[in-house]
Amino acid sequence: MSVNIRWVRYGRPAAEALRSAISQAKGDEPLAPVSVVVPSNYVGVATRRLLASGALGPVCHRGIGVAAVSFVTVY
């Protein structure tokens, strides 16, 4: 298990960087587990929906959607 921390600008650049990092972590395995730490449940839900919509491009090379990605808060 590794931790990847990247500092990016707020908004779309951050969402695109997250999609890229998740895609890189998953590689060719769409069910590889990935955890993302978010500041609140609202941010986790909104981010999951944005990634699953395909608006930023595919998370995995096998279609649109997101699977096996956990969004957890620091609470």
N, C-alpha and C. Protein backbone atom coordinates (compact mmCIF):
# COMPACT_ATOMS: atom_id res chain seq x y z
N MET A 1 0.84 -1.17 0.00
CA MET A 1 0.00 0.00 0.00
C MET A 1 0.89 1.24 0.00
N SER A 2 0.51 2.22 -0.79
CA SER A 2 1.28 3.46 -0.84
C SER A 2 0.35 4.65 -0.67
N VAL A 3 0.92 5.75 -0.26
CA VAL A 3 0.18 7.00 -0.10
C VAL A 3 0.70 7.96 -1.16
N ASN A 4 -0.23 8.58 -1.87
CA ASN A 4 0.12 9.52 -2.92
C ASN A 4 -0.50 10.86 -2.58
N ILE A 5 0.32 11.88 -2.37
CA ILE A 5 -0.16 13.22 -2.05
C ILE A 5 0.30 14.16 -3.15
N ARG A 6 -0.66 14.89 -3.72
CA ARG A 6 -0.35 15.88 -4.76
C ARG A 6 -1.08 17.16 -4.44
N TRP A 7 -0.43 18.28 -4.59
CA TRP A 7 -1.06 19.58 -4.41
C TRP A 7 -1.44 20.13 -5.78
N VAL A 8 -2.72 20.44 -5.94
CA VAL A 8 -3.22 20.97 -7.22
C VAL A 8 -4.18 22.12 -6.94
N ARG A 9 -4.50 22.86 -7.97
CA ARG A 9 -5.44 23.97 -7.83
C ARG A 9 -6.84 23.45 -7.53
N TYR A 10 -7.65 24.28 -6.91
CA TYR A 10 -9.03 23.98 -6.57
C TYR A 10 -9.89 23.87 -7.83
N GLY A 11 -10.92 23.06 -7.78
CA GLY A 11 -11.89 22.97 -8.87
C GLY A 11 -11.59 21.85 -9.84
N ARG A 12 -11.83 22.12 -11.10
CA ARG A 12 -11.67 21.10 -12.13
C ARG A 12 -10.26 20.50 -12.18
N PRO A 13 -9.19 21.31 -12.06
CA PRO A 13 -7.85 20.70 -12.06
C PRO A 13 -7.69 19.65 -10.95
N ALA A 14 -8.29 19.90 -9.80
CA ALA A 14 -8.20 18.94 -8.70
C ALA A 14 -8.97 17.67 -9.03
N ALA A 15 -10.15 17.81 -9.62
CA ALA A 15 -10.96 16.65 -9.99
C ALA A 15 -10.25 15.83 -11.07
N GLU A 16 -9.66 16.49 -12.04
CA GLU A 16 -8.94 15.77 -13.10
C GLU A 16 -7.70 15.07 -12.55
N ALA A 17 -7.01 15.70 -11.60
CA ALA A 17 -5.84 15.07 -10.99
C ALA A 17 -6.26 13.85 -10.18
N LEU A 18 -7.40 13.93 -9.49
CA LEU A 18 -7.89 12.79 -8.72
C LEU A 18 -8.27 11.64 -9.65
N ARG A 19 -8.98 11.95 -10.74
CA ARG A 19 -9.34 10.91 -11.70
C ARG A 19 -8.09 10.23 -12.25
N SER A 20 -7.08 11.02 -12.56
CA SER A 20 -5.83 10.47 -13.08
C SER A 20 -5.13 9.59 -12.04
N ALA A 21 -5.11 10.03 -10.79
CA ALA A 21 -4.45 9.25 -9.73
C ALA A 21 -5.19 7.94 -9.47
N ILE A 22 -6.52 7.98 -9.48
CA ILE A 22 -7.29 6.74 -9.28
C ILE A 22 -7.07 5.80 -10.46
N SER A 23 -7.09 6.34 -11.67
CA SER A 23 -6.86 5.53 -12.86
C SER A 23 -5.48 4.88 -12.82
N GLN A 24 -4.48 5.63 -12.39
CA GLN A 24 -3.13 5.08 -12.29
C GLN A 24 -3.05 4.00 -11.22
N ALA A 25 -3.71 4.22 -10.10
CA ALA A 25 -3.68 3.23 -9.01
C ALA A 25 -4.39 1.94 -9.41
N LYS A 26 -5.46 2.05 -10.18
CA LYS A 26 -6.21 0.87 -10.61
C LYS A 26 -5.52 0.12 -11.75
N GLY A 27 -4.82 0.82 -12.60
CA GLY A 27 -4.18 0.18 -13.74
C GLY A 27 -5.23 -0.44 -14.65
N ASP A 28 -5.05 -1.71 -15.00
CA ASP A 28 -6.01 -2.41 -15.86
C ASP A 28 -7.04 -3.19 -15.08
N GLU A 29 -7.02 -3.10 -13.76
CA GLU A 29 -7.95 -3.85 -12.91
C GLU A 29 -9.03 -2.91 -12.35
N PRO A 30 -10.24 -2.90 -12.93
CA PRO A 30 -11.27 -1.96 -12.49
C PRO A 30 -11.76 -2.20 -11.07
N LEU A 31 -11.55 -3.39 -10.51
CA LEU A 31 -12.00 -3.67 -9.15
C LEU A 31 -10.89 -3.57 -8.10
N ALA A 32 -9.75 -3.02 -8.48
CA ALA A 32 -8.67 -2.80 -7.51
C ALA A 32 -9.14 -1.74 -6.51
N PRO A 33 -9.00 -2.00 -5.21
CA PRO A 33 -9.50 -1.05 -4.21
C PRO A 33 -8.62 0.20 -4.11
N VAL A 34 -9.28 1.36 -4.01
CA VAL A 34 -8.60 2.63 -3.84
C VAL A 34 -9.37 3.41 -2.78
N SER A 35 -8.66 4.06 -1.85
CA SER A 35 -9.29 4.90 -0.83
C SER A 35 -8.89 6.35 -1.06
N VAL A 36 -9.88 7.22 -0.91
CA VAL A 36 -9.66 8.66 -1.06
C VAL A 36 -10.14 9.33 0.22
N VAL A 37 -9.30 10.13 0.85
CA VAL A 37 -9.67 10.85 2.07
C VAL A 37 -10.23 12.21 1.66
N VAL A 38 -11.45 12.50 2.15
CA VAL A 38 -12.14 13.75 1.83
C VAL A 38 -12.49 14.48 3.12
N PRO A 39 -12.69 15.80 3.05
CA PRO A 39 -12.95 16.56 4.27
C PRO A 39 -14.36 16.38 4.85
N SER A 40 -15.34 15.96 4.03
CA SER A 40 -16.70 15.78 4.53
C SER A 40 -17.43 14.75 3.67
N ASN A 41 -18.52 14.25 4.20
CA ASN A 41 -19.33 13.29 3.44
C ASN A 41 -19.88 13.92 2.17
N TYR A 42 -20.27 15.20 2.25
CA TYR A 42 -20.79 15.90 1.08
C TYR A 42 -19.77 15.91 -0.05
N VAL A 43 -18.54 16.22 0.25
CA VAL A 43 -17.48 16.24 -0.76
C VAL A 43 -17.28 14.85 -1.35
N GLY A 44 -17.34 13.82 -0.51
CA GLY A 44 -17.20 12.45 -0.99
C GLY A 44 -18.29 12.06 -1.96
N VAL A 45 -19.53 12.39 -1.63
CA VAL A 45 -20.66 12.06 -2.50
C VAL A 45 -20.56 12.82 -3.82
N ALA A 46 -20.29 14.12 -3.75
CA ALA A 46 -20.19 14.93 -4.96
C ALA A 46 -19.05 14.45 -5.85
N THR A 47 -17.92 14.11 -5.26
CA THR A 47 -16.77 13.65 -6.03
C THR A 47 -17.05 12.29 -6.67
N ARG A 48 -17.64 11.39 -5.90
CA ARG A 48 -17.98 10.08 -6.45
C ARG A 48 -18.93 10.21 -7.64
N ARG A 49 -19.93 11.08 -7.51
CA ARG A 49 -20.88 11.27 -8.61
C ARG A 49 -20.22 11.88 -9.83
N LEU A 50 -19.32 12.83 -9.62
CA LEU A 50 -18.61 13.45 -10.75
C LEU A 50 -17.75 12.43 -11.47
N LEU A 51 -17.02 11.61 -10.72
CA LEU A 51 -16.17 10.59 -11.35
C LEU A 51 -17.01 9.53 -12.07
N ALA A 52 -18.12 9.14 -11.47
CA ALA A 52 -18.96 8.09 -12.06
C ALA A 52 -19.68 8.58 -13.32
N SER A 53 -19.92 9.88 -13.42
CA SER A 53 -20.64 10.41 -14.58
C SER A 53 -19.85 10.30 -15.88
N GLY A 54 -18.54 10.25 -15.77
CA GLY A 54 -17.71 10.19 -16.96
C GLY A 54 -17.39 11.56 -17.54
N ALA A 55 -17.81 12.63 -16.87
CA ALA A 55 -17.58 13.99 -17.36
C ALA A 55 -16.09 14.33 -17.43
N LEU A 56 -15.28 13.69 -16.61
CA LEU A 56 -13.84 13.94 -16.60
C LEU A 56 -13.07 12.92 -17.43
N GLY A 57 -13.78 11.96 -17.98
CA GLY A 57 -13.14 10.87 -18.71
C GLY A 57 -13.26 9.60 -17.89
N PRO A 58 -12.92 8.47 -18.47
CA PRO A 58 -13.07 7.20 -17.76
C PRO A 58 -12.04 7.05 -16.63
N VAL A 59 -12.49 6.48 -15.52
CA VAL A 59 -11.59 6.19 -14.40
C VAL A 59 -10.76 4.96 -14.73
N CYS A 60 -11.39 4.02 -15.40
CA CYS A 60 -10.71 2.79 -15.82
C CYS A 60 -10.86 2.67 -17.33
N HIS A 61 -10.02 1.92 -17.94
CA HIS A 61 -10.04 1.79 -19.40
C HIS A 61 -11.16 0.88 -19.90
N ARG A 62 -12.06 0.49 -19.02
CA ARG A 62 -13.12 -0.45 -19.42
C ARG A 62 -14.50 0.17 -19.35
N GLY A 63 -14.63 1.46 -19.54
CA GLY A 63 -15.95 2.09 -19.57
C GLY A 63 -16.11 3.18 -18.53
N ILE A 64 -17.32 3.71 -18.48
CA ILE A 64 -17.64 4.81 -17.57
C ILE A 64 -18.18 4.24 -16.26
N GLY A 65 -17.90 4.92 -15.18
CA GLY A 65 -18.36 4.51 -13.85
C GLY A 65 -17.17 4.39 -12.92
N VAL A 66 -17.48 4.12 -11.67
CA VAL A 66 -16.43 3.97 -10.67
C VAL A 66 -16.82 2.84 -9.73
N ALA A 67 -15.88 1.93 -9.50
CA ALA A 67 -16.12 0.80 -8.60
C ALA A 67 -14.92 0.61 -7.70
N ALA A 68 -15.18 0.16 -6.49
CA ALA A 68 -14.13 -0.17 -5.51
C ALA A 68 -13.30 1.04 -5.11
N VAL A 69 -13.93 2.23 -5.11
CA VAL A 69 -13.27 3.43 -4.62
C VAL A 69 -14.02 3.87 -3.37
N SER A 70 -13.33 3.92 -2.25
CA SER A 70 -13.92 4.34 -0.98
C SER A 70 -13.56 5.78 -0.70
N PHE A 71 -14.56 6.58 -0.37
CA PHE A 71 -14.34 7.97 0.03
C PHE A 71 -14.58 8.04 1.52
N VAL A 72 -13.53 8.29 2.28
CA VAL A 72 -13.61 8.29 3.74
C VAL A 72 -13.27 9.67 4.28
N THR A 73 -13.88 10.01 5.41
CA THR A 73 -13.58 11.28 6.07
C THR A 73 -12.57 11.04 7.18
N VAL A 74 -11.99 12.09 7.68
CA VAL A 74 -11.00 11.98 8.73
C VAL A 74 -11.62 11.97 10.12
N TYR A 75 -12.97 11.96 10.21
CA TYR A 75 -13.64 11.97 11.52
C TYR A 75 -13.31 10.73 12.28
